[in-house]
Amino acid sequence: MFGNGDATFQAPKLYSGGPRGPHFIASGDLNLDGHLDIVSVPNEHVNYALVYLNNGSGVFSNAGSLSAT
């Protein structure tokens, strides 16, 4: 949930974590634009991660994938 800057939060936004849900989730500024992005690994049997880039206005891009091989 995004913060409003006054100790309250906006309504949650849901994003797909893959067909079985996420196994791991992490956040960080992946593209160095000052906004936290999300990385999700769908389950323990895959060699890729789903990447959601934050555009800075509370919207994340559709998932792109990042291969571990």
PDB file of N, CA and C in Angstrom:
ATOM      1  N   MET A   1       0.847  -1.177   0.000  1.00  0.00           N
ATOM      2  CA  MET A   1       0.000   0.000   0.000  1.00  0.00           C
ATOM      3  C   MET A   1       0.893   1.241   0.000  1.00  0.00           C
ATOM      4  N   PHE A   2       0.533   2.188  -0.786  1.00  0.00           N
ATOM      5  CA  PHE A   2       1.276   3.439  -0.831  1.00  0.00           C
ATOM      6  C   PHE A   2       0.828   4.337   0.313  1.00  0.00           C
ATOM      7  N   GLY A   3       1.778   5.075   0.882  1.00  0.00           N
ATOM      8  CA  GLY A   3       1.464   6.010   1.942  1.00  0.00           C
ATOM      9  C   GLY A   3       0.964   7.331   1.381  1.00  0.00           C
ATOM     10  N   ASN A   4       0.145   8.011   2.174  1.00  0.00           N
ATOM     11  CA  ASN A   4      -0.368   9.331   1.789  1.00  0.00           C
ATOM     12  C   ASN A   4       0.489  10.469   2.333  1.00  0.00           C
ATOM     13  N   GLY A   5       1.507  10.139   3.123  1.00  0.00           N
ATOM     14  CA  GLY A   5       2.365  11.164   3.695  1.00  0.00           C
ATOM     15  C   GLY A   5       1.849  11.738   4.998  1.00  0.00           C
ATOM     16  N   ASP A   6       0.720  11.215   5.484  1.00  0.00           N
ATOM     17  CA  ASP A   6       0.142  11.709   6.742  1.00  0.00           C
ATOM     18  C   ASP A   6      -0.150  10.563   7.712  1.00  0.00           C
ATOM     19  N   ALA A   7       0.633   9.499   7.622  1.00  0.00           N
ATOM     20  CA  ALA A   7       0.501   8.289   8.459  1.00  0.00           C
ATOM     21  C   ALA A   7      -0.712   7.443   8.095  1.00  0.00           C
ATOM     22  N   THR A   8      -1.329   7.691   6.945  1.00  0.00           N
ATOM     23  CA  THR A   8      -2.408   6.846   6.441  1.00  0.00           C
ATOM     24  C   THR A   8      -1.965   6.228   5.118  1.00  0.00           C
ATOM     25  N   PHE A   9      -2.705   5.225   4.678  1.00  0.00           N
ATOM     26  CA  PHE A   9      -2.344   4.504   3.455  1.00  0.00           C
ATOM     27  C   PHE A   9      -3.485   4.506   2.463  1.00  0.00           C
ATOM     28  N   GLN A  10      -3.132   4.397   1.188  1.00  0.00           N
ATOM     29  CA  GLN A  10      -4.113   4.234   0.122  1.00  0.00           C
ATOM     30  C   GLN A  10      -4.627   2.802   0.135  1.00  0.00           C
ATOM     31  N   ALA A  11      -5.668   2.549  -0.616  1.00  0.00           N
ATOM     32  CA  ALA A  11      -6.199   1.189  -0.723  1.00  0.00           C
ATOM     33  C   ALA A  11      -5.149   0.280  -1.357  1.00  0.00           C
ATOM     34  N   PRO A  12      -5.110  -1.000  -0.960  1.00  0.00           N
ATOM     35  CA  PRO A  12      -4.125  -1.911  -1.550  1.00  0.00           C
ATOM     36  C   PRO A  12      -4.368  -2.122  -3.035  1.00  0.00           C
ATOM     37  N   LYS A  13      -3.277  -2.344  -3.751  1.00  0.00           N
ATOM     38  CA  LYS A  13      -3.341  -2.694  -5.166  1.00  0.00           C
ATOM     39  C   LYS A  13      -2.744  -4.082  -5.299  1.00  0.00           C
ATOM     40  N   LEU A  14      -3.393  -4.952  -6.035  1.00  0.00           N
ATOM     41  CA  LEU A  14      -2.942  -6.332  -6.185  1.00  0.00           C
ATOM     42  C   LEU A  14      -2.303  -6.538  -7.543  1.00  0.00           C
ATOM     43  N   TYR A  15      -1.216  -7.288  -7.556  1.00  0.00           N
ATOM     44  CA  TYR A  15      -0.493  -7.618  -8.780  1.00  0.00           C
ATOM     45  C   TYR A  15      -0.257  -9.113  -8.792  1.00  0.00           C
ATOM     46  N   SER A  16      -0.253  -9.695  -9.954  1.00  0.00           N
ATOM     47  CA  SER A  16      -0.054 -11.134 -10.083  1.00  0.00           C
ATOM     48  C   SER A  16       1.360 -11.513  -9.678  1.00  0.00           C
ATOM     49  N   GLY A  17       1.474 -12.591  -8.916  1.00  0.00           N
ATOM     50  CA  GLY A  17       2.771 -13.106  -8.535  1.00  0.00           C
ATOM     51  C   GLY A  17       3.086 -14.409  -9.235  1.00  0.00           C
ATOM     52  N   GLY A  18       2.361 -14.706 -10.297  1.00  0.00           N
ATOM     53  CA  GLY A  18       2.528 -15.969 -11.000  1.00  0.00           C
ATOM     54  C   GLY A  18       1.373 -16.905 -10.683  1.00  0.00           C
ATOM     55  N   PRO A  19       1.315 -18.044 -11.353  1.00  0.00           N
ATOM     56  CA  PRO A  19       0.171 -18.939 -11.212  1.00  0.00           C
ATOM     57  C   PRO A  19      -0.001 -19.528  -9.813  1.00  0.00           C
ATOM     58  N   ARG A  20       1.078 -19.682  -9.053  1.00  0.00           N
ATOM     59  CA  ARG A  20       0.973 -20.247  -7.705  1.00  0.00           C
ATOM     60  C   ARG A  20       1.245 -19.208  -6.622  1.00  0.00           C
ATOM     61  N   GLY A  21       1.311 -17.970  -6.993  1.00  0.00           N
ATOM     62  CA  GLY A  21       1.630 -16.927  -6.034  1.00  0.00           C
ATOM     63  C   GLY A  21       3.131 -16.797  -5.852  1.00  0.00           C
ATOM     64  N   PRO A  22       3.566 -15.728  -5.240  1.00  0.00           N
ATOM     65  CA  PRO A  22       5.007 -15.515  -5.087  1.00  0.00           C
ATOM     66  C   PRO A  22       5.620 -16.396  -4.006  1.00  0.00           C
ATOM     67  N   HIS A  23       6.825 -16.840  -4.266  1.00  0.00           N
ATOM     68  CA  HIS A  23       7.601 -17.593  -3.283  1.00  0.00           C
ATOM     69  C   HIS A  23       8.507 -16.627  -2.518  1.00  0.00           C
ATOM     70  N   PHE A  24       9.060 -15.659  -3.217  1.00  0.00           N
ATOM     71  CA  PHE A  24       9.884 -14.608  -2.624  1.00  0.00           C
ATOM     72  C   PHE A  24       9.467 -13.274  -3.218  1.00  0.00           C
ATOM     73  N   ILE A  25       9.533 -12.224  -2.418  1.00  0.00           N
ATOM     74  CA  ILE A  25       9.276 -10.856  -2.893  1.00  0.00           C
ATOM     75  C   ILE A  25      10.350  -9.952  -2.304  1.00  0.00           C
ATOM     76  N   ALA A  26      10.839  -9.033  -3.124  1.00  0.00           N
ATOM     77  CA  ALA A  26      11.805  -8.037  -2.651  1.00  0.00           C
ATOM     78  C   ALA A  26      11.503  -6.718  -3.343  1.00  0.00           C
ATOM     79  N   SER A  27      11.920  -5.645  -2.730  1.00  0.00           N
ATOM     80  CA  SER A  27      11.760  -4.338  -3.365  1.00  0.00           C
ATOM     81  C   SER A  27      13.086  -3.610  -3.337  1.00  0.00           C
ATOM     82  N   GLY A  28      13.262  -2.754  -4.296  1.00  0.00           N
ATOM     83  CA  GLY A  28      14.466  -1.948  -4.403  1.00  0.00           C
ATOM     84  C   GLY A  28      14.361  -1.073  -5.634  1.00  0.00           C
ATOM     85  N   ASP A  29      15.180  -0.083  -5.717  1.00  0.00           N
ATOM     86  CA  ASP A  29      15.178   0.826  -6.868  1.00  0.00           C
ATOM     87  C   ASP A  29      16.025   0.203  -7.978  1.00  0.00           C
ATOM     88  N   LEU A  30      15.413  -0.649  -8.771  1.00  0.00           N
ATOM     89  CA  LEU A  30      16.140  -1.424  -9.778  1.00  0.00           C
ATOM     90  C   LEU A  30      16.665  -0.588 -10.936  1.00  0.00           C
ATOM     91  N   ASN A  31      15.936   0.456 -11.328  1.00  0.00           N
ATOM     92  CA  ASN A  31      16.364   1.263 -12.467  1.00  0.00           C
ATOM     93  C   ASN A  31      16.897   2.641 -12.051  1.00  0.00           C
ATOM     94  N   LEU A  32      17.175   2.797 -10.750  1.00  0.00           N
ATOM     95  CA  LEU A  32      17.812   4.007 -10.201  1.00  0.00           C
ATOM     96  C   LEU A  32      17.069   5.298 -10.539  1.00  0.00           C
ATOM     97  N   ASP A  33      15.715   5.232 -10.484  1.00  0.00           N
ATOM     98  CA  ASP A  33      14.924   6.436 -10.750  1.00  0.00           C
ATOM     99  C   ASP A  33      14.349   7.057  -9.480  1.00  0.00           C
ATOM    100  N   GLY A  34      14.725   6.519  -8.316  1.00  0.00           N
ATOM    101  CA  GLY A  34      14.251   7.063  -7.050  1.00  0.00           C
ATOM    102  C   GLY A  34      12.957   6.455  -6.551  1.00  0.00           C
ATOM    103  N   HIS A  35      12.422   5.454  -7.227  1.00  0.00           N
ATOM    104  CA  HIS A  35      11.163   4.815  -6.831  1.00  0.00           C
ATOM    105  C   HIS A  35      11.401   3.327  -6.591  1.00  0.00           C
ATOM    106  N   LEU A  36      10.795   2.790  -5.529  1.00  0.00           N
ATOM    107  CA  LEU A  36      10.952   1.368  -5.233  1.00  0.00           C
ATOM    108  C   LEU A  36      10.199   0.514  -6.246  1.00  0.00           C
ATOM    109  N   ASP A  37      10.874  -0.466  -6.785  1.00  0.00           N
ATOM    110  CA  ASP A  37      10.312  -1.429  -7.721  1.00  0.00           C
ATOM    111  C   ASP A  37      10.141  -2.757  -6.982  1.00  0.00           C
ATOM    112  N   ILE A  38       9.442  -3.710  -7.592  1.00  0.00           N
ATOM    113  CA  ILE A  38       9.172  -5.000  -6.957  1.00  0.00           C
ATOM    114  C   ILE A  38       9.731  -6.121  -7.820  1.00  0.00           C
ATOM    115  N   VAL A  39      10.343  -7.108  -7.154  1.00  0.00           N
ATOM    116  CA  VAL A  39      10.796  -8.334  -7.813  1.00  0.00           C
ATOM    117  C   VAL A  39      10.118  -9.488  -7.092  1.00  0.00           C
ATOM    118  N   SER A  40       9.553 -10.417  -7.862  1.00  0.00           N
ATOM    119  CA  SER A  40       8.860 -11.561  -7.295  1.00  0.00           C
ATOM    120  C   SER A  40       9.338 -12.833  -7.987  1.00  0.00           C
ATOM    121  N   VAL A  41       9.644 -13.864  -7.205  1.00  0.00           N
ATOM    122  CA  VAL A  41       9.984 -15.177  -7.756  1.00  0.00           C
ATOM    123  C   VAL A  41       8.745 -16.039  -7.573  1.00  0.00           C
ATOM    124  N   PRO A  42       8.124 -16.509  -8.686  1.00  0.00           N
ATOM    125  CA  PRO A  42       6.847 -17.210  -8.595  1.00  0.00           C
ATOM    126  C   PRO A  42       6.851 -18.457  -7.719  1.00  0.00           C
ATOM    127  N   ASN A  43       7.853 -19.292  -7.826  1.00  0.00           N
ATOM    128  CA  ASN A  43       7.958 -20.444  -6.933  1.00  0.00           C
ATOM    129  C   ASN A  43       9.386 -20.954  -6.953  1.00  0.00           C
ATOM    130  N   GLU A  44       9.658 -21.915  -6.106  1.00  0.00           N
ATOM    131  CA  GLU A  44      11.034 -22.379  -5.939  1.00  0.00           C
ATOM    132  C   GLU A  44      11.561 -23.210  -7.094  1.00  0.00           C
ATOM    133  N   HIS A  45      10.719 -23.529  -8.077  1.00  0.00           N
ATOM    134  CA  HIS A  45      11.131 -24.396  -9.175  1.00  0.00           C
ATOM    135  C   HIS A  45      11.363 -23.647 -10.490  1.00  0.00           C
ATOM    136  N   VAL A  46      11.483 -22.339 -10.435  1.00  0.00           N
ATOM    137  CA  VAL A  46      11.700 -21.564 -11.655  1.00  0.00           C
ATOM    138  C   VAL A  46      13.050 -20.858 -11.590  1.00  0.00           C
ATOM    139  N   ASN A  47      13.556 -20.477 -12.749  1.00  0.00           N
ATOM    140  CA  ASN A  47      14.835 -19.767 -12.798  1.00  0.00           C
ATOM    141  C   ASN A  47      14.657 -18.368 -13.373  1.00  0.00           C
ATOM    142  N   TYR A  48      13.545 -17.738 -13.015  1.00  0.00           N
ATOM    143  CA  TYR A  48      13.307 -16.366 -13.451  1.00  0.00           C
ATOM    144  C   TYR A  48      12.581 -15.607 -12.344  1.00  0.00           C
ATOM    145  N   ALA A  49      12.595 -14.304 -12.460  1.00  0.00           N
ATOM    146  CA  ALA A  49      11.876 -13.437 -11.533  1.00  0.00           C
ATOM    147  C   ALA A  49      10.971 -12.516 -12.336  1.00  0.00           C
ATOM    148  N   LEU A  50       9.865 -12.113 -11.739  1.00  0.00           N
ATOM    149  CA  LEU A  50       8.974 -11.126 -12.348  1.00  0.00           C
ATOM    150  C   LEU A  50       9.364  -9.753 -11.800  1.00  0.00           C
ATOM    151  N   VAL A  51       9.462  -8.775 -12.682  1.00  0.00           N
ATOM    152  CA  VAL A  51       9.898  -7.437 -12.298  1.00  0.00           C
ATOM    153  C   VAL A  51       8.771  -6.450 -12.592  1.00  0.00           C
ATOM    154  N   TYR A  52       8.422  -5.645 -11.581  1.00  0.00           N
ATOM    155  CA  TYR A  52       7.391  -4.618 -11.713  1.00  0.00           C
ATOM    156  C   TYR A  52       8.055  -3.272 -11.436  1.00  0.00           C
ATOM    157  N   LEU A  53       8.135  -2.412 -12.443  1.00  0.00           N
ATOM    158  CA  LEU A  53       8.773  -1.102 -12.278  1.00  0.00           C
ATOM    159  C   LEU A  53       7.739  -0.071 -11.841  1.00  0.00           C
ATOM    160  N   ASN A  54       8.098   0.738 -10.870  1.00  0.00           N
ATOM    161  CA  ASN A  54       7.238   1.777 -10.318  1.00  0.00           C
ATOM    162  C   ASN A  54       7.434   3.050 -11.137  1.00  0.00           C
ATOM    163  N   ASN A  55       6.336   3.633 -11.636  1.00  0.00           N
ATOM    164  CA  ASN A  55       6.481   4.856 -12.434  1.00  0.00           C
ATOM    165  C   ASN A  55       6.440   6.122 -11.582  1.00  0.00           C
ATOM    166  N   GLY A  56       6.314   5.965 -10.251  1.00  0.00           N
ATOM    167  CA  GLY A  56       6.355   7.113  -9.360  1.00  0.00           C
ATOM    168  C   GLY A  56       5.007   7.689  -9.014  1.00  0.00           C
ATOM    169  N   SER A  57       3.939   7.223  -9.651  1.00  0.00           N
ATOM    170  CA  SER A  57       2.615   7.752  -9.347  1.00  0.00           C
ATOM    171  C   SER A  57       1.691   6.681  -8.773  1.00  0.00           C
ATOM    172  N   GLY A  58       2.283   5.629  -8.199  1.00  0.00           N
ATOM    173  CA  GLY A  58       1.471   4.574  -7.606  1.00  0.00           C
ATOM    174  C   GLY A  58       1.070   3.497  -8.575  1.00  0.00           C
ATOM    175  N   VAL A  59       1.691   3.466  -9.738  1.00  0.00           N
ATOM    176  CA  VAL A  59       1.377   2.466 -10.753  1.00  0.00           C
ATOM    177  C   VAL A  59       2.652   1.698 -11.082  1.00  0.00           C
ATOM    178  N   PHE A  60       2.528   0.371 -11.122  1.00  0.00           N
ATOM    179  CA  PHE A  60       3.648  -0.477 -11.516  1.00  0.00           C
ATOM    180  C   PHE A  60       3.416  -1.002 -12.918  1.00  0.00           C
ATOM    181  N   SER A  61       4.483  -1.196 -13.660  1.00  0.00           N
ATOM    182  CA  SER A  61       4.396  -1.732 -15.013  1.00  0.00           C
ATOM    183  C   SER A  61       3.889  -3.166 -14.970  1.00  0.00           C
ATOM    184  N   ASN A  62       3.418  -3.651 -16.115  1.00  0.00           N
ATOM    185  CA  ASN A  62       3.109  -5.069 -16.222  1.00  0.00           C
ATOM    186  C   ASN A  62       4.404  -5.834 -16.012  1.00  0.00           C
ATOM    187  N   ALA A  63       4.280  -7.030 -15.528  1.00  0.00           N
ATOM    188  CA  ALA A  63       5.474  -7.815 -15.178  1.00  0.00           C
ATOM    189  C   ALA A  63       6.321  -8.105 -16.398  1.00  0.00           C
ATOM    190  N   GLY A  64       7.583  -7.830 -16.266  1.00  0.00           N
ATOM    191  CA  GLY A  64       8.572  -8.309 -17.207  1.00  0.00           C
ATOM    192  C   GLY A  64       9.313  -9.420 -16.502  1.00  0.00           C
ATOM    193  N   SER A  65      10.032 -10.228 -17.222  1.00  0.00           N
ATOM    194  CA  SER A  65      10.738 -11.317 -16.549  1.00  0.00           C
ATOM    195  C   SER A  65      12.249 -11.129 -16.674  1.00  0.00           C
ATOM    196  N   LEU A  66      12.945 -11.634 -15.702  1.00  0.00           N
ATOM    197  CA  LEU A  66      14.385 -11.554 -15.634  1.00  0.00           C
ATOM    198  C   LEU A  66      14.891 -12.968 -15.405  1.00  0.00           C
ATOM    199  N   SER A  67      15.623 -13.508 -16.378  1.00  0.00           N
ATOM    200  CA  SER A  67      16.098 -14.888 -16.308  1.00  0.00           C
ATOM    201  C   SER A  67      17.321 -15.005 -15.416  1.00  0.00           C
ATOM    202  N   ALA A  68      17.399 -16.112 -14.697  1.00  0.00           N
ATOM    203  CA  ALA A  68      18.546 -16.371 -13.836  1.00  0.00           C
ATOM    204  C   ALA A  68      19.589 -17.214 -14.541  1.00  0.00           C
ATOM    205  N   THR A  69      19.384 -17.527 -15.808  1.00  0.00           N
ATOM    206  CA  THR A  69      20.350 -18.342 -16.541  1.00  0.00           C
ATOM    207  C   THR A  69      21.041 -17.526 -17.593  1.00  0.00           C
TER     208      THR A  69
END
